[in-house]
Amino acid sequence: MPSIIFHLTEAKLITQHLREASADYPFTHIHGWQNDFTIGSILPDAIPRPLKYKTHFWHPSDFSHVVIAPDLNLWQKTYPNTLKEPMLIGYLAHLHLDYLYFTEYLPSIVRFLNEQGLDETESLKAVSVQIRQTGEQMPVMTFFSKDYFYGDYIRMSPHLIEKYHLSMPASPIHPWPVNETDFASYRQFCKLAAADLSLDIKKEPVRIFDPTDFENFVNKAAETFIQQFIR
């Protein structure tokens, strides 16, 4: 998912739920677990874009697709002891949110079409995007721009930052458990992300997404993650 704001929002929802429920899991006894969980929840994006396939555990057979969801089975094979490390659990939460977004939520909002007007998954064959609610169509490159797709993420951010009191996590205090990126890359990423959190964004109407519906999606994803991977 292109925005750190939504991953920070889900991390806040998950850690808050576990704290309020007095959840008793091995990782909740680790000092600073909430901070390390939050670090993990944004960690897959802390790497240059050409290497995202590595941090997001994309399956090679999906590389040619317009949008790519993480392979959660590949993650679990790589890190079978996820529940012992707060940062790894947060990392899995990021991948899980991306998975639900690209396999369920985004397909409910838009269709990628080929020249024949049929649904298309291959990036080289997809020529246009159709907004399901309005029927509006546009070239793929126009859709993936600040006017539409990326711009809507920016436009939806201020509400979430204010409502959930979002901020960047502190530096990790435990050994780095992830091999796909390193602390130096993460630290550089945090500098850029912190600037995004402090931006004075003018309130403008979104063009694709329904903000309330999207927030509900993130809330539901957090609930699903807790049920599926923690309880």
C-alpha atoms as a PDB file:
ATOM      1  CA  MET A   1       0.000   0.000   0.000  1.00  0.00           C
ATOM      2  CA  PRO A   2       1.449   3.369  -1.008  1.00  0.00           C
ATOM      3  CA  SER A   3       0.913   5.267   2.274  1.00  0.00           C
ATOM      4  CA  ILE A   4       2.628   4.883   5.622  1.00  0.00           C
ATOM      5  CA  ILE A   5      -0.361   6.591   7.257  1.00  0.00           C
ATOM      6  CA  PHE A   6      -2.633   3.595   6.829  1.00  0.00           C
ATOM      7  CA  HIS A   7      -0.072   1.183   8.230  1.00  0.00           C
ATOM      8  CA  LEU A   8       0.496   3.434  11.247  1.00  0.00           C
ATOM      9  CA  THR A   9      -3.265   3.600  11.712  1.00  0.00           C
ATOM     10  CA  GLU A  10      -3.617  -0.168  11.704  1.00  0.00           C
ATOM     11  CA  ALA A  11      -0.646  -0.549  14.054  1.00  0.00           C
ATOM     12  CA  LYS A  12      -2.297   1.879  16.492  1.00  0.00           C
ATOM     13  CA  LEU A  13      -5.573  -0.068  16.289  1.00  0.00           C
ATOM     14  CA  ILE A  14      -3.913  -3.441  16.885  1.00  0.00           C
ATOM     15  CA  THR A  15      -1.641  -2.383  19.741  1.00  0.00           C
ATOM     16  CA  GLN A  16      -4.435  -0.426  21.396  1.00  0.00           C
ATOM     17  CA  HIS A  17      -6.778  -3.425  21.228  1.00  0.00           C
ATOM     18  CA  LEU A  18      -4.176  -5.780  22.695  1.00  0.00           C
ATOM     19  CA  ARG A  19      -3.308  -3.326  25.444  1.00  0.00           C
ATOM     20  CA  GLU A  20      -6.934  -2.651  26.407  1.00  0.00           C
ATOM     21  CA  ALA A  21      -7.733  -6.368  26.343  1.00  0.00           C
ATOM     22  CA  SER A  22      -4.736  -7.040  28.614  1.00  0.00           C
ATOM     23  CA  ALA A  23      -3.679  -9.612  26.046  1.00  0.00           C
ATOM     24  CA  ASP A  24      -1.233 -12.122  27.459  1.00  0.00           C
ATOM     25  CA  TYR A  25       1.076 -13.287  24.687  1.00  0.00           C
ATOM     26  CA  PRO A  26       4.842 -13.909  24.817  1.00  0.00           C
ATOM     27  CA  PHE A  27       5.620 -10.761  22.829  1.00  0.00           C
ATOM     28  CA  THR A  28       3.470  -8.514  25.076  1.00  0.00           C
ATOM     29  CA  HIS A  29       5.885  -9.216  27.927  1.00  0.00           C
ATOM     30  CA  ILE A  30       8.778  -7.734  25.956  1.00  0.00           C
ATOM     31  CA  HIS A  31       9.735  -4.210  26.986  1.00  0.00           C
ATOM     32  CA  GLY A  32       8.823  -1.734  24.254  1.00  0.00           C
ATOM     33  CA  TRP A  33       6.777  -4.244  22.267  1.00  0.00           C
ATOM     34  CA  GLN A  34       4.308  -1.619  21.020  1.00  0.00           C
ATOM     35  CA  ASN A  35       7.098   0.522  19.604  1.00  0.00           C
ATOM     36  CA  ASP A  36       8.796  -2.423  17.889  1.00  0.00           C
ATOM     37  CA  PHE A  37       5.454  -3.623  16.521  1.00  0.00           C
ATOM     38  CA  THR A  38       4.895  -0.194  14.996  1.00  0.00           C
ATOM     39  CA  ILE A  39       8.379  -0.219  13.464  1.00  0.00           C
ATOM     40  CA  GLY A  40       7.603  -3.572  11.889  1.00  0.00           C
ATOM     41  CA  SER A  41       4.317  -2.273  10.528  1.00  0.00           C
ATOM     42  CA  ILE A  42       6.116   0.257   8.297  1.00  0.00           C
ATOM     43  CA  LEU A  43       9.363  -1.625   7.744  1.00  0.00           C
ATOM     44  CA  PRO A  44       8.540  -3.252   4.374  1.00  0.00           C
ATOM     45  CA  ASP A  45       8.397   0.218   2.796  1.00  0.00           C
ATOM     46  CA  ALA A  46      11.807   1.236   4.198  1.00  0.00           C
ATOM     47  CA  ILE A  47      13.676   0.309   1.041  1.00  0.00           C
ATOM     48  CA  PRO A  48      14.117   1.752  -2.483  1.00  0.00           C
ATOM     49  CA  ARG A  49      11.128   0.980  -4.711  1.00  0.00           C
ATOM     50  CA  PRO A  50      13.004  -1.404  -7.080  1.00  0.00           C
ATOM     51  CA  LEU A  51      13.621  -3.694  -4.083  1.00  0.00           C
ATOM     52  CA  LYS A  52      10.042  -3.739  -2.816  1.00  0.00           C
ATOM     53  CA  TYR A  53       9.596  -7.217  -4.282  1.00  0.00           C
ATOM     54  CA  LYS A  54      12.037  -8.418  -1.640  1.00  0.00           C
ATOM     55  CA  THR A  55      10.582  -6.720   1.436  1.00  0.00           C
ATOM     56  CA  HIS A  56       6.983  -7.407   0.390  1.00  0.00           C
ATOM     57  CA  PHE A  57       7.549 -11.082  -0.324  1.00  0.00           C
ATOM     58  CA  TRP A  58       6.163 -11.025  -3.846  1.00  0.00           C
ATOM     59  CA  HIS A  59       5.959 -14.367  -5.590  1.00  0.00           C
ATOM     60  CA  PRO A  60       7.970 -14.366  -8.857  1.00  0.00           C
ATOM     61  CA  SER A  61       4.915 -15.522 -10.797  1.00  0.00           C
ATOM     62  CA  ASP A  62       3.201 -12.229  -9.881  1.00  0.00           C
ATOM     63  CA  PHE A  63       5.963  -9.858 -11.005  1.00  0.00           C
ATOM     64  CA  SER A  64       4.181  -9.042 -14.276  1.00  0.00           C
ATOM     65  CA  HIS A  65       0.881  -8.046 -12.651  1.00  0.00           C
ATOM     66  CA  VAL A  66      -0.510  -4.521 -12.507  1.00  0.00           C
ATOM     67  CA  VAL A  67      -0.730  -4.746  -8.715  1.00  0.00           C
ATOM     68  CA  ILE A  68       0.979  -7.352  -6.561  1.00  0.00           C
ATOM     69  CA  ALA A  69      -0.088  -8.729  -3.199  1.00  0.00           C
ATOM     70  CA  PRO A  70       2.427 -10.206  -0.741  1.00  0.00           C
ATOM     71  CA  ASP A  71       2.775 -13.987  -0.566  1.00  0.00           C
ATOM     72  CA  LEU A  72       2.005 -14.611   3.102  1.00  0.00           C
ATOM     73  CA  ASN A  73       3.009 -18.271   2.802  1.00  0.00           C
ATOM     74  CA  LEU A  74       6.465 -17.198   1.631  1.00  0.00           C
ATOM     75  CA  TRP A  75       6.746 -14.913   4.666  1.00  0.00           C
ATOM     76  CA  GLN A  76       5.748 -17.652   7.079  1.00  0.00           C
ATOM     77  CA  LYS A  77       8.236 -20.073   5.559  1.00  0.00           C
ATOM     78  CA  THR A  78      10.974 -17.469   6.005  1.00  0.00           C
ATOM     79  CA  TYR A  79       9.981 -16.444   9.537  1.00  0.00           C
ATOM     80  CA  PRO A  80       8.177 -19.393  11.170  1.00  0.00           C
ATOM     81  CA  ASN A  81       8.615 -17.948  14.691  1.00  0.00           C
ATOM     82  CA  THR A  82       6.937 -14.627  13.991  1.00  0.00           C
ATOM     83  CA  LEU A  83       4.950 -14.465  17.240  1.00  0.00           C
ATOM     84  CA  LYS A  84       8.104 -14.342  19.340  1.00  0.00           C
ATOM     85  CA  GLU A  85       9.232 -10.956  17.988  1.00  0.00           C
ATOM     86  CA  PRO A  86       7.065  -7.793  18.128  1.00  0.00           C
ATOM     87  CA  MET A  87       8.803  -6.309  15.089  1.00  0.00           C
ATOM     88  CA  LEU A  88       8.135  -9.430  13.036  1.00  0.00           C
ATOM     89  CA  ILE A  89       4.468  -9.424  14.047  1.00  0.00           C
ATOM     90  CA  GLY A  90       4.208  -5.801  12.965  1.00  0.00           C
ATOM     91  CA  TYR A  91       5.934  -6.667   9.695  1.00  0.00           C
ATOM     92  CA  LEU A  92       3.372  -9.426   9.095  1.00  0.00           C
ATOM     93  CA  ALA A  93       0.554  -6.962   9.859  1.00  0.00           C
ATOM     94  CA  HIS A  94       1.891  -4.727   7.066  1.00  0.00           C
ATOM     95  CA  LEU A  95       1.967  -7.609   4.592  1.00  0.00           C
ATOM     96  CA  HIS A  96      -1.489  -8.778   5.662  1.00  0.00           C
ATOM     97  CA  LEU A  97      -2.991  -5.308   5.184  1.00  0.00           C
ATOM     98  CA  ASP A  98      -1.401  -5.065   1.741  1.00  0.00           C
ATOM     99  CA  TYR A  99      -2.700  -8.525   0.882  1.00  0.00           C
ATOM    100  CA  LEU A 100      -6.296  -7.643   1.787  1.00  0.00           C
ATOM    101  CA  TYR A 101      -6.005  -4.319   0.033  1.00  0.00           C
ATOM    102  CA  PHE A 102      -4.765  -5.667  -3.291  1.00  0.00           C
ATOM    103  CA  THR A 103      -6.871  -8.839  -3.355  1.00  0.00           C
ATOM    104  CA  GLU A 104     -10.155  -7.541  -1.912  1.00  0.00           C
ATOM    105  CA  TYR A 105     -10.482  -3.810  -1.379  1.00  0.00           C
ATOM    106  CA  LEU A 106      -8.932  -2.295  -4.519  1.00  0.00           C
ATOM    107  CA  PRO A 107     -10.725  -4.765  -6.865  1.00  0.00           C
ATOM    108  CA  SER A 108     -14.005  -3.641  -5.308  1.00  0.00           C
ATOM    109  CA  ILE A 109     -13.200  -0.031  -6.256  1.00  0.00           C
ATOM    110  CA  VAL A 110     -11.622  -0.286  -9.720  1.00  0.00           C
ATOM    111  CA  ARG A 111     -11.186  -2.587 -12.714  1.00  0.00           C
ATOM    112  CA  PHE A 112      -8.044  -2.829 -14.822  1.00  0.00           C
ATOM    113  CA  LEU A 113      -9.002  -3.298 -18.487  1.00  0.00           C
ATOM    114  CA  ASN A 114      -7.218  -4.394 -21.661  1.00  0.00           C
ATOM    115  CA  GLU A 115      -7.785  -3.041 -25.177  1.00  0.00           C
ATOM    116  CA  GLN A 116     -10.856  -5.246 -25.557  1.00  0.00           C
ATOM    117  CA  GLY A 117     -12.413  -3.767 -22.413  1.00  0.00           C
ATOM    118  CA  LEU A 118     -11.988  -6.995 -20.454  1.00  0.00           C
ATOM    119  CA  ASP A 119     -10.565  -7.401 -16.966  1.00  0.00           C
ATOM    120  CA  GLU A 120      -6.772  -7.626 -17.052  1.00  0.00           C
ATOM    121  CA  THR A 121      -4.116  -8.517 -14.471  1.00  0.00           C
ATOM    122  CA  GLU A 122      -0.988  -8.263 -16.650  1.00  0.00           C
ATOM    123  CA  SER A 123       0.629  -4.827 -16.530  1.00  0.00           C
ATOM    124  CA  LEU A 124       1.732  -4.891 -20.182  1.00  0.00           C
ATOM    125  CA  LYS A 125      -1.813  -5.607 -21.342  1.00  0.00           C
ATOM    126  CA  ALA A 126      -3.758  -3.286 -19.047  1.00  0.00           C
ATOM    127  CA  VAL A 127      -4.450   0.012 -20.840  1.00  0.00           C
ATOM    128  CA  SER A 128      -7.134   1.645 -18.713  1.00  0.00           C
ATOM    129  CA  VAL A 129      -8.754   1.757 -15.289  1.00  0.00           C
ATOM    130  CA  GLN A 130     -12.469   1.972 -14.642  1.00  0.00           C
ATOM    131  CA  ILE A 131     -13.875   3.433 -11.410  1.00  0.00           C
ATOM    132  CA  ARG A 132     -16.685   1.042 -10.531  1.00  0.00           C
ATOM    133  CA  GLN A 133     -18.928   3.559  -8.759  1.00  0.00           C
ATOM    134  CA  THR A 134     -18.910   6.185 -11.516  1.00  0.00           C
ATOM    135  CA  GLY A 135     -17.919   4.192 -14.591  1.00  0.00           C
ATOM    136  CA  GLU A 136     -15.204   6.763 -15.318  1.00  0.00           C
ATOM    137  CA  GLN A 137     -12.246   5.386 -17.287  1.00  0.00           C
ATOM    138  CA  MET A 138      -8.709   6.691 -17.635  1.00  0.00           C
ATOM    139  CA  PRO A 139      -5.282   5.468 -18.747  1.00  0.00           C
ATOM    140  CA  VAL A 140      -3.415   3.378 -16.180  1.00  0.00           C
ATOM    141  CA  MET A 141      -0.687   6.009 -15.830  1.00  0.00           C
ATOM    142  CA  THR A 142      -3.281   8.700 -15.134  1.00  0.00           C
ATOM    143  CA  PHE A 143      -4.857   6.545 -12.440  1.00  0.00           C
ATOM    144  CA  PHE A 144      -1.520   5.957 -10.696  1.00  0.00           C
ATOM    145  CA  SER A 145      -0.831   9.664 -10.212  1.00  0.00           C
ATOM    146  CA  LYS A 146      -1.218  12.389  -7.597  1.00  0.00           C
ATOM    147  CA  ASP A 147      -4.398  13.467  -9.331  1.00  0.00           C
ATOM    148  CA  TYR A 148      -6.103  10.189  -8.496  1.00  0.00           C
ATOM    149  CA  PHE A 149      -4.629   7.136  -6.708  1.00  0.00           C
ATOM    150  CA  TYR A 150      -1.660   8.639  -4.859  1.00  0.00           C
ATOM    151  CA  GLY A 151      -3.380  11.977  -4.420  1.00  0.00           C
ATOM    152  CA  ASP A 152      -6.311  10.384  -2.635  1.00  0.00           C
ATOM    153  CA  TYR A 153      -3.954   8.838  -0.096  1.00  0.00           C
ATOM    154  CA  ILE A 154      -2.551  12.274   0.646  1.00  0.00           C
ATOM    155  CA  ARG A 155      -6.037  13.773   0.847  1.00  0.00           C
ATOM    156  CA  MET A 156      -7.254  11.095   3.285  1.00  0.00           C
ATOM    157  CA  SER A 157      -4.232  11.346   5.586  1.00  0.00           C
ATOM    158  CA  PRO A 158      -4.958  14.450   7.735  1.00  0.00           C
ATOM    159  CA  HIS A 159      -8.127  12.962   9.224  1.00  0.00           C
ATOM    160  CA  LEU A 160      -6.343   9.758  10.275  1.00  0.00           C
ATOM    161  CA  ILE A 161      -3.280  11.554  11.638  1.00  0.00           C
ATOM    162  CA  GLU A 162      -5.487  13.726  13.821  1.00  0.00           C
ATOM    163  CA  LYS A 163      -8.002  11.068  14.886  1.00  0.00           C
ATOM    164  CA  TYR A 164      -5.455   8.405  15.836  1.00  0.00           C
ATOM    165  CA  HIS A 165      -2.675  10.783  17.003  1.00  0.00           C
ATOM    166  CA  LEU A 166      -0.197   9.188  14.629  1.00  0.00           C
ATOM    167  CA  SER A 167       3.532   9.673  14.976  1.00  0.00           C
ATOM    168  CA  MET A 168       6.711   7.863  14.034  1.00  0.00           C
ATOM    169  CA  PRO A 169       7.944   5.192  16.469  1.00  0.00           C
ATOM    170  CA  ALA A 170      11.118   5.644  18.512  1.00  0.00           C
ATOM    171  CA  SER A 171      14.341   3.846  17.629  1.00  0.00           C
ATOM    172  CA  PRO A 172      14.298   0.082  18.230  1.00  0.00           C
ATOM    173  CA  ILE A 173      15.778  -1.169  21.489  1.00  0.00           C
ATOM    174  CA  HIS A 174      15.998  -4.850  20.569  1.00  0.00           C
ATOM    175  CA  PRO A 175      18.168  -6.719  18.045  1.00  0.00           C
ATOM    176  CA  TRP A 176      17.144  -6.264  14.411  1.00  0.00           C
ATOM    177  CA  PRO A 177      15.277  -9.485  13.429  1.00  0.00           C
ATOM    178  CA  VAL A 178      14.647  -8.804   9.721  1.00  0.00           C
ATOM    179  CA  ASN A 179      17.018  -9.695   6.900  1.00  0.00           C
ATOM    180  CA  GLU A 180      15.184  -7.954   4.031  1.00  0.00           C
ATOM    181  CA  THR A 181      16.158  -4.417   5.078  1.00  0.00           C
ATOM    182  CA  ASP A 182      18.483  -2.805   7.601  1.00  0.00           C
ATOM    183  CA  PHE A 183      18.452  -0.084  10.224  1.00  0.00           C
ATOM    184  CA  ALA A 184      20.306   2.426   8.022  1.00  0.00           C
ATOM    185  CA  SER A 185      17.614   2.175   5.336  1.00  0.00           C
ATOM    186  CA  TYR A 186      14.898   2.374   7.962  1.00  0.00           C
ATOM    187  CA  ARG A 187      16.404   5.494   9.544  1.00  0.00           C
ATOM    188  CA  GLN A 188      16.560   7.269   6.186  1.00  0.00           C
ATOM    189  CA  PHE A 189      12.998   6.236   5.462  1.00  0.00           C
ATOM    190  CA  CYS A 190      11.856   7.664   8.816  1.00  0.00           C
ATOM    191  CA  LYS A 191      13.236  11.090   7.965  1.00  0.00           C
ATOM    192  CA  LEU A 192      11.084  11.248   4.843  1.00  0.00           C
ATOM    193  CA  ALA A 193       8.041   9.747   6.550  1.00  0.00           C
ATOM    194  CA  ALA A 194       8.233  12.163   9.482  1.00  0.00           C
ATOM    195  CA  ALA A 195       8.111  15.025   7.001  1.00  0.00           C
ATOM    196  CA  ASP A 196       4.947  13.558   5.466  1.00  0.00           C
ATOM    197  CA  LEU A 197       3.316  13.381   8.903  1.00  0.00           C
ATOM    198  CA  SER A 198       3.981  17.051   9.540  1.00  0.00           C
ATOM    199  CA  LEU A 199       2.734  18.345   6.193  1.00  0.00           C
ATOM    200  CA  ASP A 200       0.004  20.970   6.286  1.00  0.00           C
ATOM    201  CA  ILE A 201      -2.262  19.328   3.736  1.00  0.00           C
ATOM    202  CA  LYS A 202      -5.124  21.345   2.317  1.00  0.00           C
ATOM    203  CA  LYS A 203      -8.436  19.546   2.726  1.00  0.00           C
ATOM    204  CA  GLU A 204      -9.712  18.530  -0.688  1.00  0.00           C
ATOM    205  CA  PRO A 205     -12.347  16.006  -1.815  1.00  0.00           C
ATOM    206  CA  VAL A 206     -11.101  12.563  -2.792  1.00  0.00           C
ATOM    207  CA  ARG A 207     -11.591  11.358  -6.357  1.00  0.00           C
ATOM    208  CA  ILE A 208     -11.624   7.559  -6.073  1.00  0.00           C
ATOM    209  CA  PHE A 209     -11.952   6.311  -2.507  1.00  0.00           C
ATOM    210  CA  ASP A 210     -14.627   6.867   0.114  1.00  0.00           C
ATOM    211  CA  PRO A 211     -12.662   7.964   3.238  1.00  0.00           C
ATOM    212  CA  THR A 212     -15.138   6.425   5.684  1.00  0.00           C
ATOM    213  CA  ASP A 213     -15.249   3.175   3.750  1.00  0.00           C
ATOM    214  CA  PHE A 214     -11.461   3.074   3.599  1.00  0.00           C
ATOM    215  CA  GLU A 215     -11.115   3.699   7.325  1.00  0.00           C
ATOM    216  CA  ASN A 216     -13.611   0.907   7.962  1.00  0.00           C
ATOM    217  CA  PHE A 217     -11.504  -1.362   5.776  1.00  0.00           C
ATOM    218  CA  VAL A 218      -8.377  -0.657   7.862  1.00  0.00           C
ATOM    219  CA  ASN A 219     -10.319  -1.277  11.073  1.00  0.00           C
ATOM    220  CA  LYS A 220     -11.652  -4.575   9.745  1.00  0.00           C
ATOM    221  CA  ALA A 221      -8.191  -5.604   8.571  1.00  0.00           C
ATOM    222  CA  ALA A 222      -6.848  -4.990  12.094  1.00  0.00           C
ATOM    223  CA  GLU A 223      -9.594  -7.150  13.586  1.00  0.00           C
ATOM    224  CA  THR A 224      -8.969  -9.897  11.052  1.00  0.00           C
ATOM    225  CA  PHE A 225      -5.232  -9.836  11.729  1.00  0.00           C
ATOM    226  CA  ILE A 226      -5.741 -10.261  15.468  1.00  0.00           C
ATOM    227  CA  GLN A 227      -8.159 -13.125  14.949  1.00  0.00           C
ATOM    228  CA  GLN A 228      -6.076 -14.915  12.328  1.00  0.00           C
ATOM    229  CA  PHE A 229      -2.513 -14.472  13.522  1.00  0.00           C
ATOM    230  CA  ILE A 230      -2.489 -13.597  17.228  1.00  0.00           C
ATOM    231  CA  ARG A 231      -5.391 -15.300  18.996  1.00  0.00           C
END
